[in-house]
Amino acid sequence: MPEIKSKNTQKELFEAGIKVFAEKGYRDATIREICKKAGTANINAVNYYFGSKEKLYREILDAIFSAYDRFDREDWDRKTPQEQLRSMISNFCAMLYKNNAFASDITSIFISEMIQPSPFIEELVDTYNRPRIKRHLKMFRDLLGEDATDDMARDCLVSVAGQLLYYSFAWPVFSRLFPDYSADERYEQWAAHVYEFSLGGIEAVRNNIFKKEENTHGD
């Protein structure tokens, strides 16, 4: 029975940490506030279960940064580049917008980390983002053809990512311009639109590459 209590306390502290870090930010959040939110009077609880405020925040960041990979890696190498693109877009949309996740405390922490990075950002990028970006860049190069440059693949990646992230960053404005729009109800339609729109853009870039090659050979 005590072991179950311990696990519950650790989980409550973790969830309380998410709320307090989202509200106060990494630098201004205090252990006392986290313990109070978790319903424990023992201010040593965070240190006992996580080691420190910094280690608790790092665990939360690990959970955030690793979330997408649980979907992205599933059968990735067995998919065609078009299927990989659809999977990338669909997974991002589900992660961000299903159940209005983009408006959650988790997203607030992520956005805060983008605006004012913590000391952990370097290691997080190397652990999670760099391997993911490597997969995605290869996908875009495959979609663009063998004559595509690394810059072209990168620009396509950024263009698609920008569409996917728009609501999460611009929602306070967008929701006032289009108050009847529900990201939760329409995220699958949005994913389908981004896929078709992006595929058209990639095809246009690919055609431009072929035209430049033809002009070069013609000269």
N, C-alpha and C. Protein backbone atom coordinates (compact mmCIF):
# COMPACT_ATOMS: atom_id res chain seq x y z
N MET A 1 0.81 -1.22 0.00
CA MET A 1 0.00 0.00 0.00
C MET A 1 0.84 1.27 0.00
N PRO A 2 1.89 1.40 0.77
CA PRO A 2 2.73 2.60 0.73
C PRO A 2 3.33 2.84 -0.65
N GLU A 3 3.68 1.74 -1.37
CA GLU A 3 4.27 1.88 -2.69
C GLU A 3 3.29 2.56 -3.65
N ILE A 4 2.00 2.19 -3.57
CA ILE A 4 0.97 2.80 -4.42
C ILE A 4 0.86 4.28 -4.09
N LYS A 5 0.91 4.59 -2.81
CA LYS A 5 0.83 5.98 -2.38
C LYS A 5 2.00 6.78 -2.95
N SER A 6 3.21 6.18 -2.92
CA SER A 6 4.39 6.85 -3.45
C SER A 6 4.24 7.15 -4.93
N LYS A 7 3.77 6.16 -5.68
CA LYS A 7 3.58 6.36 -7.12
C LYS A 7 2.56 7.45 -7.38
N ASN A 8 1.51 7.48 -6.58
CA ASN A 8 0.50 8.51 -6.74
C ASN A 8 1.08 9.89 -6.43
N THR A 9 1.86 9.98 -5.37
CA THR A 9 2.48 11.26 -5.00
C THR A 9 3.41 11.74 -6.11
N GLN A 10 4.20 10.84 -6.65
CA GLN A 10 5.12 11.21 -7.73
C GLN A 10 4.36 11.71 -8.95
N LYS A 11 3.28 11.01 -9.29
CA LYS A 11 2.45 11.40 -10.44
C LYS A 11 1.80 12.76 -10.18
N GLU A 12 1.31 12.96 -8.96
CA GLU A 12 0.67 14.23 -8.61
C GLU A 12 1.66 15.39 -8.68
N LEU A 13 2.88 15.14 -8.24
CA LEU A 13 3.92 16.17 -8.31
C LEU A 13 4.27 16.49 -9.76
N PHE A 14 4.35 15.45 -10.58
CA PHE A 14 4.65 15.63 -12.00
C PHE A 14 3.57 16.48 -12.66
N GLU A 15 2.31 16.15 -12.42
CA GLU A 15 1.20 16.89 -13.01
C GLU A 15 1.12 18.31 -12.45
N ALA A 16 1.41 18.46 -11.17
CA ALA A 16 1.43 19.79 -10.57
C ALA A 16 2.56 20.63 -11.16
N GLY A 17 3.69 19.97 -11.41
CA GLY A 17 4.82 20.66 -12.03
C GLY A 17 4.45 21.21 -13.40
N ILE A 18 3.72 20.42 -14.19
CA ILE A 18 3.28 20.88 -15.51
C ILE A 18 2.46 22.15 -15.38
N LYS A 19 1.53 22.15 -14.44
CA LYS A 19 0.65 23.32 -14.26
C LYS A 19 1.42 24.55 -13.80
N VAL A 20 2.29 24.36 -12.85
CA VAL A 20 3.03 25.51 -12.30
C VAL A 20 4.05 26.04 -13.31
N PHE A 21 4.76 25.15 -14.00
CA PHE A 21 5.72 25.59 -15.01
C PHE A 21 5.01 26.30 -16.16
N ALA A 22 3.83 25.82 -16.52
CA ALA A 22 3.07 26.47 -17.59
C ALA A 22 2.62 27.87 -17.18
N GLU A 23 2.28 27.99 -15.91
CA GLU A 23 1.76 29.26 -15.39
C GLU A 23 2.88 30.26 -15.10
N LYS A 24 3.97 29.77 -14.49
CA LYS A 24 5.02 30.67 -14.00
C LYS A 24 6.27 30.70 -14.87
N GLY A 25 6.46 29.63 -15.65
CA GLY A 25 7.71 29.50 -16.39
C GLY A 25 8.75 28.77 -15.56
N TYR A 26 9.75 28.24 -16.24
CA TYR A 26 10.78 27.45 -15.56
C TYR A 26 11.50 28.23 -14.48
N ARG A 27 11.88 29.45 -14.77
CA ARG A 27 12.71 30.23 -13.84
C ARG A 27 11.94 30.73 -12.61
N ASP A 28 10.66 31.06 -12.79
CA ASP A 28 9.90 31.66 -11.68
C ASP A 28 9.13 30.64 -10.85
N ALA A 29 8.97 29.43 -11.38
CA ALA A 29 8.26 28.39 -10.60
C ALA A 29 9.08 28.00 -9.38
N THR A 30 8.39 27.70 -8.29
CA THR A 30 9.09 27.30 -7.07
C THR A 30 8.62 25.91 -6.62
N ILE A 31 9.49 25.24 -5.90
CA ILE A 31 9.15 23.93 -5.35
C ILE A 31 7.95 24.04 -4.42
N ARG A 32 7.90 25.11 -3.64
CA ARG A 32 6.79 25.30 -2.70
C ARG A 32 5.45 25.34 -3.44
N GLU A 33 5.42 26.07 -4.57
CA GLU A 33 4.18 26.17 -5.36
C GLU A 33 3.79 24.82 -5.95
N ILE A 34 4.77 24.06 -6.40
CA ILE A 34 4.50 22.75 -7.00
C ILE A 34 3.94 21.81 -5.94
N CYS A 35 4.53 21.80 -4.77
CA CYS A 35 4.05 20.93 -3.69
C CYS A 35 2.64 21.33 -3.25
N LYS A 36 2.40 22.62 -3.18
CA LYS A 36 1.07 23.10 -2.80
C LYS A 36 0.02 22.66 -3.82
N LYS A 37 0.36 22.78 -5.11
CA LYS A 37 -0.56 22.38 -6.18
C LYS A 37 -0.82 20.88 -6.14
N ALA A 38 0.19 20.12 -5.73
CA ALA A 38 0.05 18.66 -5.65
C ALA A 38 -0.67 18.21 -4.38
N GLY A 39 -0.89 19.15 -3.46
CA GLY A 39 -1.62 18.83 -2.25
C GLY A 39 -0.76 18.21 -1.17
N THR A 40 0.54 18.47 -1.22
CA THR A 40 1.42 17.96 -0.16
C THR A 40 2.09 19.12 0.56
N ALA A 41 2.16 19.02 1.86
CA ALA A 41 2.77 20.09 2.66
C ALA A 41 4.29 19.91 2.76
N ASN A 42 4.78 18.75 2.33
CA ASN A 42 6.20 18.45 2.45
C ASN A 42 6.96 19.04 1.26
N ILE A 43 7.68 20.13 1.50
CA ILE A 43 8.37 20.80 0.39
C ILE A 43 9.61 20.03 -0.06
N ASN A 44 9.96 18.95 0.64
CA ASN A 44 11.07 18.10 0.23
C ASN A 44 10.63 17.02 -0.76
N ALA A 45 9.32 16.96 -1.03
CA ALA A 45 8.79 15.89 -1.87
C ALA A 45 9.37 15.92 -3.29
N VAL A 46 9.51 17.11 -3.86
CA VAL A 46 10.07 17.21 -5.22
C VAL A 46 11.50 16.69 -5.24
N ASN A 47 12.29 17.10 -4.26
CA ASN A 47 13.67 16.62 -4.19
C ASN A 47 13.74 15.11 -3.97
N TYR A 48 12.81 14.59 -3.19
CA TYR A 48 12.80 13.15 -2.89
C TYR A 48 12.50 12.33 -4.14
N TYR A 49 11.48 12.74 -4.90
CA TYR A 49 11.05 11.95 -6.05
C TYR A 49 11.81 12.27 -7.35
N PHE A 50 12.27 13.52 -7.48
CA PHE A 50 12.88 13.92 -8.76
C PHE A 50 14.31 14.43 -8.62
N GLY A 51 14.73 14.77 -7.42
CA GLY A 51 16.08 15.24 -7.22
C GLY A 51 16.20 16.74 -7.08
N SER A 52 15.37 17.47 -7.84
CA SER A 52 15.39 18.93 -7.78
C SER A 52 14.30 19.48 -8.70
N LYS A 53 14.06 20.77 -8.60
CA LYS A 53 13.11 21.42 -9.51
C LYS A 53 13.59 21.28 -10.95
N GLU A 54 14.90 21.43 -11.15
CA GLU A 54 15.47 21.36 -12.49
C GLU A 54 15.26 19.97 -13.11
N LYS A 55 15.45 18.92 -12.30
CA LYS A 55 15.29 17.56 -12.82
C LYS A 55 13.83 17.24 -13.10
N LEU A 56 12.93 17.78 -12.30
CA LEU A 56 11.50 17.61 -12.57
C LEU A 56 11.14 18.28 -13.90
N TYR A 57 11.62 19.49 -14.10
CA TYR A 57 11.33 20.20 -15.35
C TYR A 57 11.91 19.45 -16.54
N ARG A 58 13.09 18.90 -16.38
CA ARG A 58 13.72 18.14 -17.47
C ARG A 58 12.89 16.90 -17.81
N GLU A 59 12.36 16.23 -16.79
CA GLU A 59 11.51 15.05 -17.05
C GLU A 59 10.26 15.45 -17.83
N ILE A 60 9.69 16.59 -17.48
CA ILE A 60 8.52 17.09 -18.20
C ILE A 60 8.88 17.40 -19.65
N LEU A 61 10.02 18.04 -19.85
CA LEU A 61 10.47 18.35 -21.22
C LEU A 61 10.73 17.07 -22.01
N ASP A 62 11.30 16.05 -21.38
CA ASP A 62 11.52 14.77 -22.06
C ASP A 62 10.19 14.18 -22.54
N ALA A 63 9.18 14.26 -21.68
CA ALA A 63 7.86 13.75 -22.05
C ALA A 63 7.27 14.52 -23.22
N ILE A 64 7.47 15.84 -23.23
CA ILE A 64 6.94 16.68 -24.31
C ILE A 64 7.67 16.42 -25.62
N PHE A 65 9.00 16.44 -25.57
CA PHE A 65 9.80 16.32 -26.80
C PHE A 65 9.77 14.92 -27.39
N SER A 66 9.50 13.91 -26.57
CA SER A 66 9.47 12.54 -27.08
C SER A 66 8.09 12.12 -27.56
N ALA A 67 7.06 12.92 -27.25
CA ALA A 67 5.67 12.52 -27.54
C ALA A 67 5.45 12.20 -29.01
N TYR A 68 5.95 13.05 -29.89
CA TYR A 68 5.70 12.86 -31.32
C TYR A 68 6.35 11.58 -31.85
N ASP A 69 7.52 11.23 -31.31
CA ASP A 69 8.24 10.07 -31.83
C ASP A 69 7.49 8.77 -31.62
N ARG A 70 6.60 8.72 -30.66
CA ARG A 70 5.84 7.50 -30.43
C ARG A 70 4.94 7.18 -31.62
N PHE A 71 4.54 8.24 -32.35
CA PHE A 71 3.72 8.04 -33.55
C PHE A 71 4.60 7.98 -34.80
N ASP A 72 5.57 8.86 -34.87
CA ASP A 72 6.33 9.08 -36.10
C ASP A 72 7.11 7.86 -36.54
N ARG A 73 7.64 7.10 -35.61
CA ARG A 73 8.54 6.01 -35.97
C ARG A 73 7.81 4.73 -36.37
N GLU A 74 6.53 4.68 -36.17
CA GLU A 74 5.78 3.46 -36.43
C GLU A 74 5.79 3.13 -37.93
N ASP A 75 6.46 2.04 -38.29
CA ASP A 75 6.55 1.57 -39.68
C ASP A 75 7.07 2.63 -40.64
N TRP A 76 7.86 3.57 -40.15
CA TRP A 76 8.32 4.69 -40.97
C TRP A 76 9.07 4.21 -42.22
N ASP A 77 10.00 3.29 -42.04
CA ASP A 77 10.84 2.85 -43.15
C ASP A 77 10.08 2.01 -44.18
N ARG A 78 8.92 1.52 -43.81
CA ARG A 78 8.12 0.72 -44.76
C ARG A 78 7.21 1.59 -45.63
N LYS A 79 7.09 2.86 -45.28
CA LYS A 79 6.19 3.75 -46.00
C LYS A 79 6.89 4.37 -47.21
N THR A 80 6.10 4.72 -48.23
CA THR A 80 6.60 5.51 -49.35
C THR A 80 6.81 6.94 -48.86
N PRO A 81 7.58 7.77 -49.58
CA PRO A 81 7.74 9.17 -49.15
C PRO A 81 6.40 9.90 -49.02
N GLN A 82 5.45 9.61 -49.91
CA GLN A 82 4.12 10.25 -49.81
C GLN A 82 3.40 9.80 -48.54
N GLU A 83 3.51 8.51 -48.23
CA GLU A 83 2.88 8.00 -47.00
C GLU A 83 3.57 8.57 -45.76
N GLN A 84 4.88 8.75 -45.84
CA GLN A 84 5.61 9.36 -44.72
C GLN A 84 5.15 10.79 -44.48
N LEU A 85 4.97 11.53 -45.57
CA LEU A 85 4.51 12.92 -45.44
C LEU A 85 3.11 12.97 -44.83
N ARG A 86 2.23 12.12 -45.30
CA ARG A 86 0.87 12.07 -44.74
C ARG A 86 0.92 11.71 -43.25
N SER A 87 1.76 10.74 -42.92
CA SER A 87 1.89 10.31 -41.52
C SER A 87 2.44 11.44 -40.65
N MET A 88 3.47 12.12 -41.13
CA MET A 88 4.06 13.23 -40.39
C MET A 88 3.01 14.29 -40.09
N ILE A 89 2.25 14.67 -41.11
CA ILE A 89 1.25 15.73 -40.97
C ILE A 89 0.10 15.28 -40.06
N SER A 90 -0.40 14.08 -40.28
CA SER A 90 -1.53 13.58 -39.49
C SER A 90 -1.16 13.45 -38.02
N ASN A 91 0.04 12.95 -37.75
CA ASN A 91 0.48 12.76 -36.37
C ASN A 91 0.67 14.09 -35.65
N PHE A 92 1.26 15.06 -36.35
CA PHE A 92 1.44 16.38 -35.75
C PHE A 92 0.09 17.01 -35.42
N CYS A 93 -0.85 16.92 -36.36
CA CYS A 93 -2.17 17.53 -36.14
C CYS A 93 -2.90 16.86 -34.98
N ALA A 94 -2.83 15.53 -34.91
CA ALA A 94 -3.48 14.83 -33.80
C ALA A 94 -2.85 15.22 -32.47
N MET A 95 -1.52 15.27 -32.44
CA MET A 95 -0.82 15.61 -31.20
C MET A 95 -1.13 17.03 -30.74
N LEU A 96 -1.22 17.96 -31.69
CA LEU A 96 -1.42 19.37 -31.34
C LEU A 96 -2.87 19.75 -31.11
N TYR A 97 -3.79 19.17 -31.91
CA TYR A 97 -5.14 19.72 -31.95
C TYR A 97 -6.25 18.79 -31.48
N LYS A 98 -5.99 17.50 -31.40
CA LYS A 98 -7.02 16.60 -30.87
C LYS A 98 -7.29 16.95 -29.42
N ASN A 99 -8.56 17.08 -29.07
CA ASN A 99 -8.96 17.49 -27.71
C ASN A 99 -8.38 18.87 -27.33
N ASN A 100 -8.14 19.69 -28.38
CA ASN A 100 -7.60 21.05 -28.16
C ASN A 100 -6.31 21.04 -27.35
N ALA A 101 -5.45 20.04 -27.65
CA ALA A 101 -4.20 19.90 -26.89
C ALA A 101 -3.32 21.13 -27.00
N PHE A 102 -3.43 21.86 -28.12
CA PHE A 102 -2.58 23.04 -28.32
C PHE A 102 -2.84 24.12 -27.26
N ALA A 103 -4.01 24.08 -26.64
CA ALA A 103 -4.35 25.06 -25.61
C ALA A 103 -4.00 24.56 -24.21
N SER A 104 -3.29 23.45 -24.13
CA SER A 104 -3.01 22.83 -22.83
C SER A 104 -1.77 23.43 -22.17
N ASP A 105 -1.56 23.02 -20.93
CA ASP A 105 -0.37 23.45 -20.19
C ASP A 105 0.91 22.94 -20.85
N ILE A 106 0.83 21.73 -21.42
CA ILE A 106 1.99 21.15 -22.10
C ILE A 106 2.45 22.06 -23.23
N THR A 107 1.50 22.54 -24.03
CA THR A 107 1.86 23.41 -25.15
C THR A 107 2.39 24.74 -24.66
N SER A 108 1.85 25.25 -23.56
CA SER A 108 2.35 26.49 -22.97
C SER A 108 3.82 26.35 -22.59
N ILE A 109 4.18 25.20 -22.03
CA ILE A 109 5.58 24.96 -21.66
C ILE A 109 6.44 24.90 -22.92
N PHE A 110 5.95 24.21 -23.94
CA PHE A 110 6.71 24.10 -25.18
C PHE A 110 6.96 25.47 -25.81
N ILE A 111 5.91 26.27 -25.89
CA ILE A 111 6.04 27.60 -26.49
C ILE A 111 7.00 28.46 -25.67
N SER A 112 6.89 28.37 -24.35
CA SER A 112 7.79 29.11 -23.46
C SER A 112 9.23 28.69 -23.70
N GLU A 113 9.43 27.40 -23.93
CA GLU A 113 10.77 26.88 -24.19
C GLU A 113 11.32 27.42 -25.51
N MET A 114 10.44 27.65 -26.49
CA MET A 114 10.86 28.20 -27.77
C MET A 114 11.23 29.69 -27.63
N ILE A 115 10.50 30.39 -26.78
CA ILE A 115 10.73 31.83 -26.62
C ILE A 115 11.92 32.11 -25.71
N GLN A 116 11.97 31.39 -24.60
CA GLN A 116 13.05 31.60 -23.63
C GLN A 116 13.60 30.23 -23.21
N PRO A 117 14.52 29.70 -24.00
CA PRO A 117 14.98 28.32 -23.79
C PRO A 117 15.64 28.12 -22.43
N SER A 118 15.41 26.94 -21.88
CA SER A 118 16.07 26.55 -20.63
C SER A 118 17.47 26.02 -20.95
N PRO A 119 18.27 25.74 -19.93
CA PRO A 119 19.61 25.19 -20.18
C PRO A 119 19.58 23.80 -20.82
N PHE A 120 18.39 23.18 -20.88
CA PHE A 120 18.29 21.80 -21.38
C PHE A 120 18.06 21.71 -22.89
N ILE A 121 17.84 22.84 -23.55
CA ILE A 121 17.39 22.82 -24.93
C ILE A 121 18.38 22.14 -25.87
N GLU A 122 19.68 22.36 -25.64
CA GLU A 122 20.70 21.78 -26.52
C GLU A 122 20.62 20.26 -26.53
N GLU A 123 20.55 19.69 -25.35
CA GLU A 123 20.51 18.23 -25.23
C GLU A 123 19.19 17.67 -25.75
N LEU A 124 18.10 18.38 -25.53
CA LEU A 124 16.80 17.94 -26.02
C LEU A 124 16.77 17.90 -27.56
N VAL A 125 17.33 18.94 -28.17
CA VAL A 125 17.39 18.99 -29.64
C VAL A 125 18.22 17.82 -30.17
N ASP A 126 19.37 17.57 -29.54
CA ASP A 126 20.23 16.48 -30.00
C ASP A 126 19.57 15.11 -29.81
N THR A 127 18.82 14.96 -28.72
CA THR A 127 18.20 13.67 -28.42
C THR A 127 16.97 13.39 -29.26
N TYR A 128 16.12 14.39 -29.44
CA TYR A 128 14.82 14.17 -30.08
C TYR A 128 14.69 14.82 -31.46
N ASN A 129 15.01 16.09 -31.59
CA ASN A 129 14.75 16.79 -32.84
C ASN A 129 15.70 16.42 -33.96
N ARG A 130 16.99 16.30 -33.65
CA ARG A 130 17.96 16.06 -34.70
C ARG A 130 17.71 14.73 -35.43
N PRO A 131 17.50 13.62 -34.73
CA PRO A 131 17.20 12.36 -35.44
C PRO A 131 15.89 12.45 -36.24
N ARG A 132 14.89 13.13 -35.68
CA ARG A 132 13.60 13.28 -36.37
C ARG A 132 13.76 14.11 -37.64
N ILE A 133 14.48 15.22 -37.53
CA ILE A 133 14.69 16.09 -38.68
C ILE A 133 15.47 15.36 -39.77
N LYS A 134 16.41 14.53 -39.37
CA LYS A 134 17.18 13.75 -40.34
C LYS A 134 16.25 12.85 -41.16
N ARG A 135 15.29 12.20 -40.48
CA ARG A 135 14.31 11.36 -41.20
C ARG A 135 13.46 12.20 -42.13
N HIS A 136 13.00 13.34 -41.63
CA HIS A 136 12.10 14.18 -42.42
C HIS A 136 12.81 14.81 -43.62
N LEU A 137 14.06 15.22 -43.44
CA LEU A 137 14.80 15.80 -44.56
C LEU A 137 15.02 14.77 -45.66
N LYS A 138 15.32 13.54 -45.27
CA LYS A 138 15.46 12.47 -46.28
C LYS A 138 14.15 12.27 -47.03
N MET A 139 13.03 12.32 -46.31
CA MET A 139 11.72 12.18 -46.95
C MET A 139 11.51 13.28 -47.98
N PHE A 140 11.82 14.52 -47.63
CA PHE A 140 11.61 15.62 -48.56
C PHE A 140 12.56 15.52 -49.76
N ARG A 141 13.79 15.07 -49.53
CA ARG A 141 14.71 14.88 -50.66
C ARG A 141 14.19 13.81 -51.61
N ASP A 142 13.62 12.74 -51.04
CA ASP A 142 13.04 11.69 -51.87
C ASP A 142 11.85 12.21 -52.67
N LEU A 143 11.05 13.06 -52.05
CA LEU A 143 9.88 13.64 -52.74
C LEU A 143 10.31 14.61 -53.85
N LEU A 144 11.40 15.32 -53.63
CA LEU A 144 11.84 16.34 -54.58
C LEU A 144 12.67 15.76 -55.72
N GLY A 145 13.27 14.60 -55.51
CA GLY A 145 14.10 14.00 -56.55
C GLY A 145 15.57 14.15 -56.25
N GLU A 146 16.36 13.40 -56.98
CA GLU A 146 17.80 13.30 -56.67
C GLU A 146 18.57 14.60 -56.89
N ASP A 147 18.03 15.52 -57.69
CA ASP A 147 18.74 16.78 -57.96
C ASP A 147 18.42 17.87 -56.93
N ALA A 148 17.57 17.56 -55.97
CA ALA A 148 17.21 18.55 -54.95
C ALA A 148 18.39 18.80 -54.02
N THR A 149 18.54 20.04 -53.60
CA THR A 149 19.61 20.39 -52.67
C THR A 149 19.12 20.24 -51.23
N ASP A 150 20.05 20.25 -50.30
CA ASP A 150 19.69 20.19 -48.88
C ASP A 150 18.86 21.41 -48.49
N ASP A 151 19.18 22.57 -49.07
CA ASP A 151 18.43 23.79 -48.77
C ASP A 151 16.97 23.67 -49.20
N MET A 152 16.75 23.05 -50.35
CA MET A 152 15.38 22.87 -50.84
C MET A 152 14.59 21.96 -49.90
N ALA A 153 15.21 20.88 -49.46
CA ALA A 153 14.55 19.96 -48.53
C ALA A 153 14.23 20.65 -47.21
N ARG A 154 15.20 21.45 -46.73
CA ARG A 154 14.98 22.18 -45.48
C ARG A 154 13.83 23.18 -45.61
N ASP A 155 13.78 23.91 -46.73
CA ASP A 155 12.73 24.91 -46.92
C ASP A 155 11.36 24.25 -47.00
N CYS A 156 11.28 23.08 -47.62
CA CYS A 156 10.00 22.35 -47.66
C CYS A 156 9.58 21.91 -46.26
N LEU A 157 10.54 21.43 -45.49
CA LEU A 157 10.25 21.02 -44.10
C LEU A 157 9.70 22.18 -43.30
N VAL A 158 10.36 23.34 -43.39
CA VAL A 158 9.93 24.52 -42.64
C VAL A 158 8.55 24.99 -43.11
N SER A 159 8.29 24.91 -44.40
CA SER A 159 6.99 25.34 -44.94
C SER A 159 5.85 24.47 -44.40
N VAL A 160 6.07 23.17 -44.37
CA VAL A 160 5.03 22.26 -43.85
C VAL A 160 4.86 22.45 -42.34
N ALA A 161 5.98 22.53 -41.62
CA ALA A 161 5.92 22.70 -40.16
C ALA A 161 5.21 24.00 -39.80
N GLY A 162 5.44 25.05 -40.58
CA GLY A 162 4.79 26.34 -40.31
C GLY A 162 3.27 26.24 -40.39
N GLN A 163 2.78 25.48 -41.36
CA GLN A 163 1.33 25.29 -41.46
C GLN A 163 0.79 24.53 -40.26
N LEU A 164 1.53 23.52 -39.83
CA LEU A 164 1.07 22.67 -38.73
C LEU A 164 1.04 23.42 -37.39
N LEU A 165 1.98 24.34 -37.22
CA LEU A 165 2.11 25.02 -35.94
C LEU A 165 1.28 26.30 -35.84
N TYR A 166 0.70 26.74 -36.95
CA TYR A 166 0.06 28.05 -37.00
C TYR A 166 -0.97 28.24 -35.88
N TYR A 167 -1.91 27.32 -35.75
CA TYR A 167 -2.98 27.49 -34.75
C TYR A 167 -2.44 27.60 -33.34
N SER A 168 -1.42 26.77 -33.04
CA SER A 168 -0.93 26.75 -31.66
C SER A 168 -0.31 28.08 -31.26
N PHE A 169 0.27 28.80 -32.21
CA PHE A 169 0.90 30.08 -31.90
C PHE A 169 -0.06 31.26 -32.09
N ALA A 170 -0.98 31.14 -33.04
CA ALA A 170 -1.83 32.29 -33.40
C ALA A 170 -3.27 32.16 -32.92
N TRP A 171 -3.56 31.14 -32.10
CA TRP A 171 -4.94 30.89 -31.71
C TRP A 171 -5.65 32.08 -31.06
N PRO A 172 -5.02 32.86 -30.19
CA PRO A 172 -5.72 34.00 -29.59
C PRO A 172 -6.26 34.98 -30.65
N VAL A 173 -5.54 35.13 -31.75
CA VAL A 173 -6.01 35.99 -32.84
C VAL A 173 -7.00 35.24 -33.73
N PHE A 174 -6.60 34.03 -34.16
CA PHE A 174 -7.43 33.26 -35.09
C PHE A 174 -8.82 32.99 -34.53
N SER A 175 -8.89 32.62 -33.25
CA SER A 175 -10.18 32.27 -32.65
C SER A 175 -11.13 33.46 -32.57
N ARG A 176 -10.56 34.66 -32.56
CA ARG A 176 -11.41 35.87 -32.55
C ARG A 176 -11.86 36.24 -33.96
N LEU A 177 -11.04 35.89 -34.94
CA LEU A 177 -11.42 36.14 -36.33
C LEU A 177 -12.43 35.11 -36.82
N PHE A 178 -12.28 33.85 -36.35
CA PHE A 178 -13.16 32.76 -36.77
C PHE A 178 -13.67 32.03 -35.52
N PRO A 179 -14.59 32.64 -34.79
CA PRO A 179 -15.03 32.10 -33.49
C PRO A 179 -15.74 30.75 -33.58
N ASP A 180 -16.28 30.39 -34.74
CA ASP A 180 -17.00 29.12 -34.87
C ASP A 180 -16.08 27.96 -35.23
N TYR A 181 -14.82 28.24 -35.45
CA TYR A 181 -13.89 27.19 -35.86
C TYR A 181 -13.45 26.37 -34.65
N SER A 182 -13.53 25.05 -34.77
CA SER A 182 -13.09 24.15 -33.70
C SER A 182 -11.91 23.32 -34.20
N ALA A 183 -10.74 23.58 -33.64
CA ALA A 183 -9.55 22.83 -34.05
C ALA A 183 -9.71 21.35 -33.71
N ASP A 184 -10.34 21.05 -32.59
CA ASP A 184 -10.54 19.66 -32.18
C ASP A 184 -11.43 18.91 -33.17
N GLU A 185 -12.49 19.55 -33.64
CA GLU A 185 -13.42 18.88 -34.55
C GLU A 185 -12.88 18.80 -35.99
N ARG A 186 -11.96 19.71 -36.34
CA ARG A 186 -11.53 19.81 -37.73
C ARG A 186 -10.07 19.43 -37.97
N TYR A 187 -9.40 18.89 -36.96
CA TYR A 187 -7.96 18.66 -37.14
C TYR A 187 -7.66 17.64 -38.23
N GLU A 188 -8.56 16.66 -38.44
CA GLU A 188 -8.33 15.67 -39.49
C GLU A 188 -8.49 16.31 -40.88
N GLN A 189 -9.48 17.20 -41.01
CA GLN A 189 -9.65 17.94 -42.26
C GLN A 189 -8.46 18.85 -42.52
N TRP A 190 -7.98 19.48 -41.44
CA TRP A 190 -6.82 20.35 -41.56
C TRP A 190 -5.60 19.56 -42.01
N ALA A 191 -5.42 18.37 -41.45
CA ALA A 191 -4.30 17.52 -41.84
C ALA A 191 -4.39 17.15 -43.32
N ALA A 192 -5.60 16.81 -43.78
CA ALA A 192 -5.78 16.46 -45.19
C ALA A 192 -5.47 17.65 -46.10
N HIS A 193 -5.91 18.84 -45.67
CA HIS A 193 -5.64 20.05 -46.46
C HIS A 193 -4.14 20.33 -46.53
N VAL A 194 -3.46 20.28 -45.39
CA VAL A 194 -2.02 20.56 -45.36
C VAL A 194 -1.28 19.55 -46.24
N TYR A 195 -1.71 18.30 -46.22
CA TYR A 195 -1.07 17.27 -47.05
C TYR A 195 -1.21 17.60 -48.53
N GLU A 196 -2.44 17.86 -48.97
CA GLU A 196 -2.68 18.15 -50.39
C GLU A 196 -1.96 19.43 -50.81
N PHE A 197 -2.05 20.45 -49.97
CA PHE A 197 -1.43 21.74 -50.27
C PHE A 197 0.09 21.59 -50.35
N SER A 198 0.65 20.86 -49.41
CA SER A 198 2.11 20.66 -49.37
C SER A 198 2.59 19.81 -50.53
N LEU A 199 1.82 18.78 -50.85
CA LEU A 199 2.19 17.91 -51.98
C LEU A 199 2.23 18.72 -53.28
N GLY A 200 1.25 19.63 -53.43
CA GLY A 200 1.24 20.50 -54.61
C GLY A 200 2.45 21.42 -54.64
N GLY A 201 2.82 21.97 -53.51
CA GLY A 201 3.98 22.84 -53.44
C GLY A 201 5.27 22.08 -53.73
N ILE A 202 5.38 20.89 -53.18
CA ILE A 202 6.57 20.07 -53.42
C ILE A 202 6.69 19.71 -54.90
N GLU A 203 5.55 19.39 -55.51
CA GLU A 203 5.54 19.06 -56.93
C GLU A 203 6.00 20.27 -57.77
N ALA A 204 5.57 21.47 -57.37
CA ALA A 204 5.98 22.69 -58.08
C ALA A 204 7.49 22.90 -57.97
N VAL A 205 8.04 22.69 -56.78
CA VAL A 205 9.49 22.82 -56.59
C VAL A 205 10.22 21.77 -57.42
N ARG A 206 9.70 20.56 -57.41
CA ARG A 206 10.30 19.47 -58.19
C ARG A 206 10.32 19.81 -59.68
N ASN A 207 9.21 20.34 -60.19
CA ASN A 207 9.13 20.72 -61.61
C ASN A 207 10.13 21.83 -61.94
N ASN A 208 10.31 22.76 -61.00
CA ASN A 208 11.29 23.84 -61.22
C ASN A 208 12.71 23.29 -61.32
N ILE A 209 12.98 22.27 -60.52
CA ILE A 209 14.30 21.63 -60.57
C ILE A 209 14.53 21.02 -61.96
N PHE A 210 13.50 20.31 -62.46
CA PHE A 210 13.61 19.69 -63.78
C PHE A 210 13.80 20.73 -64.88
N LYS A 211 13.06 21.84 -64.76
CA LYS A 211 13.19 22.89 -65.77
C LYS A 211 14.58 23.50 -65.79
N LYS A 212 15.13 23.71 -64.58
CA LYS A 212 16.48 24.26 -64.51
C LYS A 212 17.50 23.28 -65.09
N GLU A 213 17.28 21.99 -64.85
CA GLU A 213 18.18 20.98 -65.41
C GLU A 213 18.09 20.97 -66.93
N GLU A 214 16.88 21.06 -67.45
CA GLU A 214 16.70 21.08 -68.90
C GLU A 214 17.35 22.30 -69.52
N ASN A 215 17.19 23.45 -68.87
CA ASN A 215 17.79 24.69 -69.39
C ASN A 215 19.31 24.61 -69.36
N THR A 216 19.83 23.99 -68.32
CA THR A 216 21.29 23.84 -68.20
C THR A 216 21.84 22.96 -69.31
N HIS A 217 21.14 21.84 -69.56
CA HIS A 217 21.58 20.93 -70.61
C HIS A 217 21.38 21.55 -71.99
N GLY A 218 20.33 22.36 -72.10
CA GLY A 218 20.03 23.02 -73.38
C GLY A 218 21.09 24.02 -73.76
N ASP A 219 21.64 24.69 -72.73
CA ASP A 219 22.70 25.68 -72.97
C ASP A 219 24.02 24.98 -73.33
